[in-house]
Amino acid sequence: MNANDSKSSSETNWERIDQLTEEEIDTSDIPPLDESFFANAALRLPKGKVPVVMSVDGDVFQWFKSQGAEYQNLINTALRIYAEEHKS
């Protein structure tokens, strides 16, 4: 992608897309997400993290920490999912 790619306008009829129901969307060309997909999947996080100091409930922290060495990334991912779902 170059700088010009983001400047061109889309010819997609977004109003029509927004009005489609789940049944009207053709997903037949999307392969299933089976075990082989997840075996090769990698968690990719955006760059530009900001170190913060915050307090969380001890049991919540212990649960995340018990998930493994990447628990901080897991906390970030959980916060990202929450933030994306609550954007207005």
Protein backbone atom coordinates (compact mmCIF):
# COMPACT_ATOMS: atom_id res chain seq x y z
CA MET A 1 0.00 0.00 0.00
CA ASN A 2 1.29 3.42 -0.84
CA ALA A 3 0.17 6.95 0.01
CA ASN A 4 -2.04 7.17 -3.09
CA ASP A 5 -3.99 4.02 -2.17
CA SER A 6 -5.58 5.66 0.86
CA LYS A 7 -6.62 8.76 -1.10
CA SER A 8 -8.73 7.06 -3.77
CA SER A 9 -12.45 6.85 -3.03
CA SER A 10 -14.25 3.55 -2.78
CA GLU A 11 -16.93 2.63 -5.29
CA THR A 12 -18.53 0.26 -2.80
CA ASN A 13 -22.20 0.86 -2.09
CA TRP A 14 -21.86 0.84 1.70
CA GLU A 15 -25.56 1.59 2.28
CA ARG A 16 -26.47 -1.59 0.39
CA ILE A 17 -23.85 -3.57 2.30
CA ASP A 18 -25.17 -2.30 5.65
CA GLN A 19 -28.69 -3.45 4.73
CA LEU A 20 -27.68 -7.05 3.97
CA THR A 21 -28.87 -9.70 6.40
CA GLU A 22 -26.62 -12.55 7.55
CA GLU A 23 -28.48 -14.93 5.21
CA GLU A 24 -27.83 -12.71 2.18
CA ILE A 25 -24.06 -12.62 2.69
CA ASP A 26 -22.28 -15.26 0.59
CA THR A 27 -19.48 -16.75 2.69
CA SER A 28 -19.04 -19.89 0.57
CA ASP A 29 -15.56 -18.82 -0.56
CA ILE A 30 -14.26 -18.45 3.01
CA PRO A 31 -12.45 -21.57 4.23
CA PRO A 32 -13.39 -22.94 7.65
CA LEU A 33 -11.23 -22.00 10.63
CA ASP A 34 -10.16 -25.50 11.58
CA GLU A 35 -7.37 -26.83 13.80
CA SER A 36 -4.73 -26.36 11.08
CA PHE A 37 -5.58 -22.67 10.84
CA PHE A 38 -5.18 -22.13 14.56
CA ALA A 39 -2.03 -24.28 14.69
CA ASN A 40 -0.37 -21.83 12.30
CA ALA A 41 -2.00 -18.64 13.62
CA ALA A 42 0.07 -16.01 15.37
CA LEU A 43 -1.07 -13.21 17.60
CA ARG A 44 0.00 -9.91 16.05
CA LEU A 45 -0.26 -6.82 18.17
CA PRO A 46 0.07 -3.23 17.02
CA LYS A 47 3.24 -1.34 17.77
CA GLY A 48 3.42 1.76 19.91
CA LYS A 49 2.59 0.43 23.34
CA VAL A 50 2.69 2.82 26.27
CA PRO A 51 3.90 1.57 29.64
CA VAL A 52 1.32 2.21 32.37
CA VAL A 53 0.99 1.58 36.07
CA MET A 54 -2.49 0.61 37.19
CA SER A 55 -4.23 -1.34 39.92
CA VAL A 56 -6.38 -4.37 39.16
CA ASP A 57 -8.08 -6.87 41.40
CA GLY A 58 -5.62 -9.50 42.58
CA ASP A 59 -7.70 -12.45 41.41
CA VAL A 60 -8.03 -10.93 37.94
CA PHE A 61 -4.28 -10.35 37.71
CA GLN A 62 -3.52 -13.87 38.94
CA TRP A 63 -5.84 -15.37 36.33
CA PHE A 64 -4.12 -13.50 33.50
CA LYS A 65 -0.69 -14.37 34.90
CA SER A 66 -1.67 -18.05 35.13
CA GLN A 67 -2.27 -18.04 31.36
CA GLY A 68 1.46 -18.01 30.66
CA ALA A 69 4.46 -15.84 29.98
CA GLU A 70 2.59 -13.64 27.50
CA TYR A 71 -0.02 -12.58 30.06
CA GLN A 72 0.66 -8.87 29.49
CA ASN A 73 -0.12 -9.27 25.79
CA LEU A 74 -3.26 -11.17 26.77
CA ILE A 75 -4.37 -8.28 29.02
CA ASN A 76 -3.71 -5.84 26.17
CA THR A 77 -5.72 -8.01 23.76
CA ALA A 78 -8.65 -8.21 26.19
CA LEU A 79 -8.60 -4.43 26.61
CA ARG A 80 -8.42 -3.93 22.84
CA ILE A 81 -11.43 -6.20 22.25
CA TYR A 82 -13.41 -4.33 24.91
CA ALA A 83 -12.40 -0.93 23.50
CA GLU A 84 -13.28 -1.91 19.92
CA GLU A 85 -16.70 -3.18 21.01
CA HIS A 86 -17.47 0.04 22.86
CA LYS A 87 -16.30 2.65 20.34
CA SER A 88 -19.02 5.07 19.39
